[in-house]
C-alpha atoms as a PDB file:
ATOM      1  CA  UNK A   1     413.722  69.785 159.764  1.00  0.00           C
ATOM      2  CA  UNK A   2     412.893  72.519 157.589  1.00  0.00           C
ATOM      3  CA  UNK A   3     415.747  73.708 155.189  1.00  0.00           C
ATOM      4  CA  UNK A   4     415.222  76.694 153.604  1.00  0.00           C
ATOM      5  CA  UNK A   5     415.806  77.453 149.998  1.00  0.00           C
ATOM      6  CA  UNK A   6     416.439  81.373 150.066  1.00  0.00           C
ATOM      7  CA  UNK A   7     418.852  82.157 147.144  1.00  0.00           C
ATOM      8  CA  UNK A   8     418.043  85.254 146.057  1.00  0.00           C
ATOM      9  CA  UNK A   9     418.391  88.864 147.128  1.00  0.00           C
ATOM     10  CA  UNK A  10     415.499  91.105 146.077  1.00  0.00           C
ATOM     11  CA  UNK A  11     414.798  93.862 148.312  1.00  0.00           C
ATOM     12  CA  UNK A  12     410.931  94.216 147.683  1.00  0.00           C
ATOM     13  CA  UNK A  13     408.777  95.743 150.861  1.00  0.00           C
ATOM     14  CA  UNK A  14     406.133  94.541 152.799  1.00  0.00           C
ATOM     15  CA  UNK A  15     403.187  96.793 152.240  1.00  0.00           C
ATOM     16  CA  UNK A  16     401.761  98.486 155.255  1.00  0.00           C
ATOM     17  CA  UNK A  17     397.927  97.407 154.409  1.00  0.00           C
ATOM     18  CA  UNK A  18     395.788  96.768 151.357  1.00  0.00           C
ATOM     19  CA  UNK A  19     392.759  95.261 150.059  1.00  0.00           C
ATOM     20  CA  UNK A  20     391.488  94.381 146.901  1.00  0.00           C
ATOM     21  CA  UNK A  21     390.042  97.581 146.156  1.00  0.00           C
ATOM     22  CA  UNK A  22     392.525  99.747 148.592  1.00  0.00           C
ATOM     23  CA  UNK A  23     393.803 101.889 145.848  1.00  0.00           C
ATOM     24  CA  UNK A  24     397.183 103.107 146.014  1.00  0.00           C
ATOM     25  CA  UNK A  25     397.226 107.253 146.250  1.00  0.00           C
ATOM     26  CA  UNK A  26     400.410 109.041 144.800  1.00  0.00           C
ATOM     27  CA  UNK A  27     400.652 112.677 145.950  1.00  0.00           C
ATOM     28  CA  UNK A  28     402.421 115.154 144.495  1.00  0.00           C
ATOM     29  CA  UNK A  29     402.897 118.712 145.385  1.00  0.00           C
ATOM     30  CA  UNK A  30     403.793 121.775 143.833  1.00  0.00           C
ATOM     31  CA  UNK A  31     403.706 125.165 144.706  1.00  0.00           C
ATOM     32  CA  UNK A  32     402.028 124.708 148.475  1.00  0.00           C
ATOM     33  CA  UNK A  33     399.315 122.412 146.650  1.00  0.00           C
ATOM     34  CA  UNK A  34     398.836 118.649 146.463  1.00  0.00           C
ATOM     35  CA  UNK A  35     397.253 116.729 143.514  1.00  0.00           C
ATOM     36  CA  UNK A  36     396.876 112.853 143.845  1.00  0.00           C
ATOM     37  CA  UNK A  37     397.066 110.037 140.917  1.00  0.00           C
ATOM     38  CA  UNK A  38     396.159 106.851 141.104  1.00  0.00           C
ATOM     39  CA  UNK A  39     398.207 103.867 139.287  1.00  0.00           C
ATOM     40  CA  UNK A  40     395.437 101.578 139.226  1.00  0.00           C
ATOM     41  CA  UNK A  41     392.481 103.589 138.459  1.00  0.00           C
ATOM     42  CA  UNK A  42     394.326 106.172 136.152  1.00  0.00           C
ATOM     43  CA  UNK A  43     391.352 108.231 135.687  1.00  0.00           C
ATOM     44  CA  UNK A  44     391.003 109.010 138.967  1.00  0.00           C
ATOM     45  CA  UNK A  45     392.607 112.565 140.454  1.00  0.00           C
ATOM     46  CA  UNK A  46     392.146 114.575 143.530  1.00  0.00           C
ATOM     47  CA  UNK A  47     393.432 117.995 145.025  1.00  0.00           C
ATOM     48  CA  UNK A  48     393.978 119.274 148.562  1.00  0.00           C
ATOM     49  CA  UNK A  49     395.819 122.297 150.357  1.00  0.00           C
ATOM     50  CA  UNK A  50     397.478 119.866 152.661  1.00  0.00           C
ATOM     51  CA  UNK A  51     398.012 116.627 152.494  1.00  0.00           C
ATOM     52  CA  UNK A  52     395.730 115.415 154.790  1.00  0.00           C
ATOM     53  CA  UNK A  53     393.115 116.768 152.902  1.00  0.00           C
ATOM     54  CA  UNK A  54     394.273 115.449 149.551  1.00  0.00           C
ATOM     55  CA  UNK A  55     394.321 111.859 151.051  1.00  0.00           C
ATOM     56  CA  UNK A  56     390.316 112.475 152.357  1.00  0.00           C
ATOM     57  CA  UNK A  57     389.513 113.756 149.011  1.00  0.00           C
ATOM     58  CA  UNK A  58     391.123 110.698 147.062  1.00  0.00           C
ATOM     59  CA  UNK A  59     388.377 108.603 147.715  1.00  0.00           C
ATOM     60  CA  UNK A  60     385.859 111.048 146.237  1.00  0.00           C
ATOM     61  CA  UNK A  61     387.832 111.349 143.243  1.00  0.00           C
ATOM     62  CA  UNK A  62     388.174 107.501 142.670  1.00  0.00           C
ATOM     63  CA  UNK A  63     384.342 107.101 143.246  1.00  0.00           C
ATOM     64  CA  UNK A  64     383.958 109.480 140.855  1.00  0.00           C
ATOM     65  CA  UNK A  65     386.307 107.827 138.515  1.00  0.00           C
ATOM     66  CA  UNK A  66     384.464 104.643 138.632  1.00  0.00           C
ATOM     67  CA  UNK A  67     381.650 105.778 136.968  1.00  0.00           C
ATOM     68  CA  UNK A  68     383.595 105.690 134.138  1.00  0.00           C
ATOM     69  CA  UNK A  69     384.663 101.997 133.756  1.00  0.00           C
ATOM     70  CA  UNK A  70     380.248 101.569 133.907  1.00  0.00           C
ATOM     71  CA  UNK A  71     379.516 103.808 131.372  1.00  0.00           C
ATOM     72  CA  UNK A  72     382.181 102.225 129.003  1.00  0.00           C
ATOM     73  CA  UNK A  73     381.300  98.728 130.358  1.00  0.00           C
ATOM     74  CA  UNK A  74     384.915  97.543 131.593  1.00  0.00           C
ATOM     75  CA  UNK A  75     385.699  95.873 134.427  1.00  0.00           C
ATOM     76  CA  UNK A  76     387.262  97.637 137.522  1.00  0.00           C
ATOM     77  CA  UNK A  77     390.628  96.801 138.288  1.00  0.00           C
ATOM     78  CA  UNK A  78     391.757  95.784 141.700  1.00  0.00           C
ATOM     79  CA  UNK A  79     394.563  97.003 143.596  1.00  0.00           C
ATOM     80  CA  UNK A  80     398.018  95.965 142.223  1.00  0.00           C
ATOM     81  CA  UNK A  81     399.586  96.975 145.360  1.00  0.00           C
ATOM     82  CA  UNK A  82     399.706  98.858 148.465  1.00  0.00           C
ATOM     83  CA  UNK A  83     401.660 102.272 149.065  1.00  0.00           C
ATOM     84  CA  UNK A  84     402.918 104.926 151.178  1.00  0.00           C
ATOM     85  CA  UNK A  85     399.165 106.750 150.999  1.00  0.00           C
ATOM     86  CA  UNK A  86     395.973 104.174 150.447  1.00  0.00           C
ATOM     87  CA  UNK A  87     392.107 105.346 149.716  1.00  0.00           C
ATOM     88  CA  UNK A  88     390.302 102.495 151.602  1.00  0.00           C
ATOM     89  CA  UNK A  89     386.867 102.709 150.258  1.00  0.00           C
ATOM     90  CA  UNK A  90     383.601 102.443 152.130  1.00  0.00           C
ATOM     91  CA  UNK A  91     381.885  98.964 152.138  1.00  0.00           C
ATOM     92  CA  UNK A  92     378.798  99.765 149.660  1.00  0.00           C
ATOM     93  CA  UNK A  93     381.469 100.989 147.240  1.00  0.00           C
ATOM     94  CA  UNK A  94     383.179  97.739 147.039  1.00  0.00           C
ATOM     95  CA  UNK A  95     380.031  95.793 147.254  1.00  0.00           C
ATOM     96  CA  UNK A  96     379.007  97.593 143.846  1.00  0.00           C
ATOM     97  CA  UNK A  97     382.403  97.064 142.717  1.00  0.00           C
ATOM     98  CA  UNK A  98     382.274  93.671 142.648  1.00  0.00           C
ATOM     99  CA  UNK A  99     378.348  93.697 141.531  1.00  0.00           C
ATOM    100  CA  UNK A 100     379.397  95.476 138.512  1.00  0.00           C
ATOM    101  CA  UNK A 101     382.393  93.140 137.455  1.00  0.00           C
ATOM    102  CA  UNK A 102     380.044  90.017 138.292  1.00  0.00           C
ATOM    103  CA  UNK A 103     377.795  91.632 136.082  1.00  0.00           C
ATOM    104  CA  UNK A 104     380.264  91.825 133.344  1.00  0.00           C
ATOM    105  CA  UNK A 105     381.783  88.371 133.884  1.00  0.00           C
ATOM    106  CA  UNK A 106     378.556  86.452 133.545  1.00  0.00           C
ATOM    107  CA  UNK A 107     377.826  88.527 130.340  1.00  0.00           C
ATOM    108  CA  UNK A 108     374.573  90.372 132.037  1.00  0.00           C
ATOM    109  CA  UNK A 109     373.323  93.892 131.642  1.00  0.00           C
ATOM    110  CA  UNK A 110     371.766  96.562 134.377  1.00  0.00           C
ATOM    111  CA  UNK A 111     368.437  95.336 132.181  1.00  0.00           C
ATOM    112  CA  UNK A 112     368.707  91.939 133.466  1.00  0.00           C
ATOM    113  CA  UNK A 113     369.687  92.671 136.692  1.00  0.00           C
ATOM    114  CA  UNK A 114     366.631  94.953 137.281  1.00  0.00           C
ATOM    115  CA  UNK A 115     364.350  91.327 135.947  1.00  0.00           C
ATOM    116  CA  UNK A 116     366.230  89.374 138.320  1.00  0.00           C
ATOM    117  CA  UNK A 117     365.461  91.654 140.852  1.00  0.00           C
ATOM    118  CA  UNK A 118     362.095  92.325 139.955  1.00  0.00           C
ATOM    119  CA  UNK A 119     362.659  95.875 139.950  1.00  0.00           C
ATOM    120  CA  UNK A 120     362.950  99.319 137.387  1.00  0.00           C
ATOM    121  CA  UNK A 121     366.017  99.636 135.176  1.00  0.00           C
ATOM    122  CA  UNK A 122     366.411 103.099 136.728  1.00  0.00           C
ATOM    123  CA  UNK A 123     366.455 101.404 140.028  1.00  0.00           C
ATOM    124  CA  UNK A 124     368.718  98.610 139.213  1.00  0.00           C
ATOM    125  CA  UNK A 125     371.365 101.231 137.055  1.00  0.00           C
ATOM    126  CA  UNK A 126     371.395 102.827 140.803  1.00  0.00           C
ATOM    127  CA  UNK A 127     372.942  99.732 142.315  1.00  0.00           C
ATOM    128  CA  UNK A 128     375.953  99.900 140.417  1.00  0.00           C
ATOM    129  CA  UNK A 129     376.159 104.184 140.008  1.00  0.00           C
ATOM    130  CA  UNK A 130     378.708 105.385 142.454  1.00  0.00           C
ATOM    131  CA  UNK A 131     377.221 108.142 143.207  1.00  0.00           C
ATOM    132  CA  UNK A 132     374.168 106.995 144.612  1.00  0.00           C
ATOM    133  CA  UNK A 133     373.452 106.209 148.034  1.00  0.00           C
ATOM    134  CA  UNK A 134     372.288 102.665 147.504  1.00  0.00           C
ATOM    135  CA  UNK A 135     371.292 100.801 150.451  1.00  0.00           C
ATOM    136  CA  UNK A 136     373.806  97.732 151.162  1.00  0.00           C
ATOM    137  CA  UNK A 137     370.877  94.972 151.509  1.00  0.00           C
ATOM    138  CA  UNK A 138     369.541  95.830 148.234  1.00  0.00           C
ATOM    139  CA  UNK A 139     373.387  95.111 146.704  1.00  0.00           C
ATOM    140  CA  UNK A 140     373.878  91.547 149.091  1.00  0.00           C
ATOM    141  CA  UNK A 141     370.332  90.620 146.901  1.00  0.00           C
ATOM    142  CA  UNK A 142     371.874  91.519 143.933  1.00  0.00           C
ATOM    143  CA  UNK A 143     374.784  89.522 144.407  1.00  0.00           C
ATOM    144  CA  UNK A 144     373.158  86.509 146.055  1.00  0.00           C
ATOM    145  CA  UNK A 145     371.423  86.077 142.868  1.00  0.00           C
ATOM    146  CA  UNK A 146     374.426  86.129 140.968  1.00  0.00           C
ATOM    147  CA  UNK A 147     375.426  83.271 143.285  1.00  0.00           C
ATOM    148  CA  UNK A 148     377.722  85.504 145.410  1.00  0.00           C
ATOM    149  CA  UNK A 149     377.633  86.853 148.784  1.00  0.00           C
ATOM    150  CA  UNK A 150     379.240  89.415 151.379  1.00  0.00           C
ATOM    151  CA  UNK A 151     380.904  87.782 153.976  1.00  0.00           C
ATOM    152  CA  UNK A 152     381.965  90.951 156.957  1.00  0.00           C
ATOM    153  CA  UNK A 153     384.828  89.739 158.859  1.00  0.00           C
ATOM    154  CA  UNK A 154     387.174  92.071 161.375  1.00  0.00           C
ATOM    155  CA  UNK A 155     390.433  92.693 159.777  1.00  0.00           C
ATOM    156  CA  UNK A 156     393.500  92.098 161.735  1.00  0.00           C
ATOM    157  CA  UNK A 157     395.482  95.127 161.602  1.00  0.00           C
ATOM    158  CA  UNK A 158     398.905  93.192 161.127  1.00  0.00           C
ATOM    159  CA  UNK A 159     397.341  90.566 158.775  1.00  0.00           C
ATOM    160  CA  UNK A 160     398.404  90.465 154.825  1.00  0.00           C
ATOM    161  CA  UNK A 161     397.775  88.364 152.219  1.00  0.00           C
ATOM    162  CA  UNK A 162     400.056  85.420 150.470  1.00  0.00           C
ATOM    163  CA  UNK A 163     400.133  82.819 148.038  1.00  0.00           C
ATOM    164  CA  UNK A 164     401.546  79.603 149.126  1.00  0.00           C
ATOM    165  CA  UNK A 165     402.296  77.432 146.502  1.00  0.00           C
ATOM    166  CA  UNK A 166     402.762  73.485 148.018  1.00  0.00           C
ATOM    167  CA  UNK A 167     404.814  71.024 145.791  1.00  0.00           C
ATOM    168  CA  UNK A 168     407.764  68.270 146.195  1.00  0.00           C
ATOM    169  CA  UNK A 169     411.448  68.212 144.943  1.00  0.00           C
ATOM    170  CA  UNK A 170     412.915  65.568 143.273  1.00  0.00           C
ATOM    171  CA  UNK A 171     413.582  63.540 146.197  1.00  0.00           C
ATOM    172  CA  UNK A 172     409.941  63.601 147.308  1.00  0.00           C
ATOM    173  CA  UNK A 173     410.166  66.273 150.196  1.00  0.00           C
ATOM    174  CA  UNK A 174     407.416  68.806 150.671  1.00  0.00           C
ATOM    175  CA  UNK A 175     408.240  72.165 149.592  1.00  0.00           C
ATOM    176  CA  UNK A 176     406.684  75.347 150.109  1.00  0.00           C
ATOM    177  CA  UNK A 177     406.877  78.812 148.123  1.00  0.00           C
ATOM    178  CA  UNK A 178     405.191  81.585 150.018  1.00  0.00           C
ATOM    179  CA  UNK A 179     405.165  85.246 148.607  1.00  0.00           C
ATOM    180  CA  UNK A 180     403.287  88.624 148.853  1.00  0.00           C
ATOM    181  CA  UNK A 181     400.714  88.684 145.658  1.00  0.00           C
ATOM    182  CA  UNK A 182     402.307  91.947 144.456  1.00  0.00           C
ATOM    183  CA  UNK A 183     405.667  90.041 144.193  1.00  0.00           C
ATOM    184  CA  UNK A 184     405.855  88.613 140.238  1.00  0.00           C
ATOM    185  CA  UNK A 185     407.551  85.219 139.643  1.00  0.00           C
ATOM    186  CA  UNK A 186     410.088  87.083 137.759  1.00  0.00           C
ATOM    187  CA  UNK A 187     411.016  88.758 140.600  1.00  0.00           C
ATOM    188  CA  UNK A 188     412.225  85.139 142.080  1.00  0.00           C
ATOM    189  CA  UNK A 189     415.571  83.673 141.664  1.00  0.00           C
ATOM    190  CA  UNK A 190     415.491  81.000 138.430  1.00  0.00           C
ATOM    191  CA  UNK A 191     415.609  78.178 139.897  1.00  0.00           C
ATOM    192  CA  UNK A 192     412.535  78.695 142.106  1.00  0.00           C
ATOM    193  CA  UNK A 193     410.645  80.252 139.499  1.00  0.00           C
ATOM    194  CA  UNK A 194     411.191  77.293 137.256  1.00  0.00           C
ATOM    195  CA  UNK A 195     410.481  75.077 139.499  1.00  0.00           C
ATOM    196  CA  UNK A 196     406.994  76.611 140.773  1.00  0.00           C
ATOM    197  CA  UNK A 197     405.979  78.007 137.514  1.00  0.00           C
ATOM    198  CA  UNK A 198     403.174  74.892 136.666  1.00  0.00           C
ATOM    199  CA  UNK A 199     401.958  75.006 140.639  1.00  0.00           C
ATOM    200  CA  UNK A 200     398.812  76.925 141.097  1.00  0.00           C
ATOM    201  CA  UNK A 201     399.259  79.158 143.933  1.00  0.00           C
ATOM    202  CA  UNK A 202     396.578  79.060 147.116  1.00  0.00           C
ATOM    203  CA  UNK A 203     395.755  81.961 148.893  1.00  0.00           C
ATOM    204  CA  UNK A 204     395.575  83.173 153.058  1.00  0.00           C
ATOM    205  CA  UNK A 205     395.533  85.787 155.070  1.00  0.00           C
ATOM    206  CA  UNK A 206     398.523  85.578 157.630  1.00  0.00           C
ATOM    207  CA  UNK A 207     399.810  87.604 160.761  1.00  0.00           C
ATOM    208  CA  UNK A 208     403.440  87.931 160.191  1.00  0.00           C
ATOM    209  CA  UNK A 209     403.732  88.824 164.203  1.00  0.00           C
ATOM    210  CA  UNK A 210     401.688  85.838 164.615  1.00  0.00           C
ATOM    211  CA  UNK A 211     402.032  82.449 162.972  1.00  0.00           C
ATOM    212  CA  UNK A 212     400.251  80.426 164.978  1.00  0.00           C
ATOM    213  CA  UNK A 213     397.453  79.959 162.788  1.00  0.00           C
ATOM    214  CA  UNK A 214     400.157  79.147 159.914  1.00  0.00           C
ATOM    215  CA  UNK A 215     402.130  76.570 162.005  1.00  0.00           C
ATOM    216  CA  UNK A 216     404.271  75.906 158.654  1.00  0.00           C
ATOM    217  CA  UNK A 217     405.939  79.861 159.010  1.00  0.00           C
ATOM    218  CA  UNK A 218     408.410  80.377 160.815  1.00  0.00           C
ATOM    219  CA  UNK A 219     410.212  83.559 162.117  1.00  0.00           C
ATOM    220  CA  UNK A 220     412.290  83.252 159.464  1.00  0.00           C
ATOM    221  CA  UNK A 221     409.804  83.010 156.858  1.00  0.00           C
ATOM    222  CA  UNK A 222     408.339  86.212 158.483  1.00  0.00           C
ATOM    223  CA  UNK A 223     411.232  88.161 157.681  1.00  0.00           C
ATOM    224  CA  UNK A 224     411.783  87.039 154.782  1.00  0.00           C
ATOM    225  CA  UNK A 225     408.376  88.417 153.577  1.00  0.00           C
ATOM    226  CA  UNK A 226     409.049  91.709 154.936  1.00  0.00           C
ATOM    227  CA  UNK A 227     412.391  92.039 153.702  1.00  0.00           C
ATOM    228  CA  UNK A 228     411.807  90.326 150.146  1.00  0.00           C
ATOM    229  CA  UNK A 229     408.450  89.716 149.507  1.00  0.00           C
ATOM    230  CA  UNK A 230     408.755  85.550 149.565  1.00  0.00           C
ATOM    231  CA  UNK A 231     410.500  82.624 151.087  1.00  0.00           C
ATOM    232  CA  UNK A 232     410.697  79.389 150.224  1.00  0.00           C
ATOM    233  CA  UNK A 233     411.444  75.782 152.224  1.00  0.00           C
ATOM    234  CA  UNK A 234     411.183  71.973 152.290  1.00  0.00           C
ATOM    235  CA  UNK A 235     410.385  69.562 154.684  1.00  0.00           C
ATOM    236  CA  UNK A 236     413.156  66.868 155.034  1.00  0.00           C
ATOM    237  CA  UNK A 237     411.753  63.838 156.572  1.00  0.00           C
ATOM    238  CA  UNK A 238     412.445  63.058 160.338  1.00  0.00           C
ATOM    239  CA  UNK A 239     415.700  61.066 161.272  1.00  0.00           C
ATOM    240  CA  UNK A 240     415.478  58.220 163.778  1.00  0.00           C
END
């Protein structure tokens, strides 16, 4: 038996789609022309005569803006949430983002990367140059030396990233809070926020239209995630 603990009325909606670097684009229209902004990468802008043209140009605008982060030796932020319009970046660009962020995280420079790969500093710099068309194999080798790897897998168009917090209540029953990553803990009812604030989350991906891979999620949980962005429940002991 699974009693639900839904006690709030939040109205956060499920994002249509999204990946770690699938940036949200905000489209603006002025006098029949379009221009865009990107909340996560405020340096990125694009223009277009139509909305479709704008969205195509948005990828180039973001790619160009990413070079600013490298020049300023700043980490490149992930996408915070999905929106009505998103700019999915090419796989090579995403791989370069991961490579650059990993270099910074390990306190290494492009010169260090050159030494590790046995190539010239110029060639190493191209691996984190977002305007240079690098080979994915070269980026993969660089990531391998840094202890990272590229994993390619098909993306279920109905899949969504979730965070779940397994815990126990005072009665010793297993409880689980599951929410979308962009929903802050502060958006939950106070009693749930306090109950799970010290529980480390686990991450997964689930198709809310097919819950077979996550047996502990029900159709009600899927509906809660779609409409509120979270769901909470407990497993009561079976009665004999």
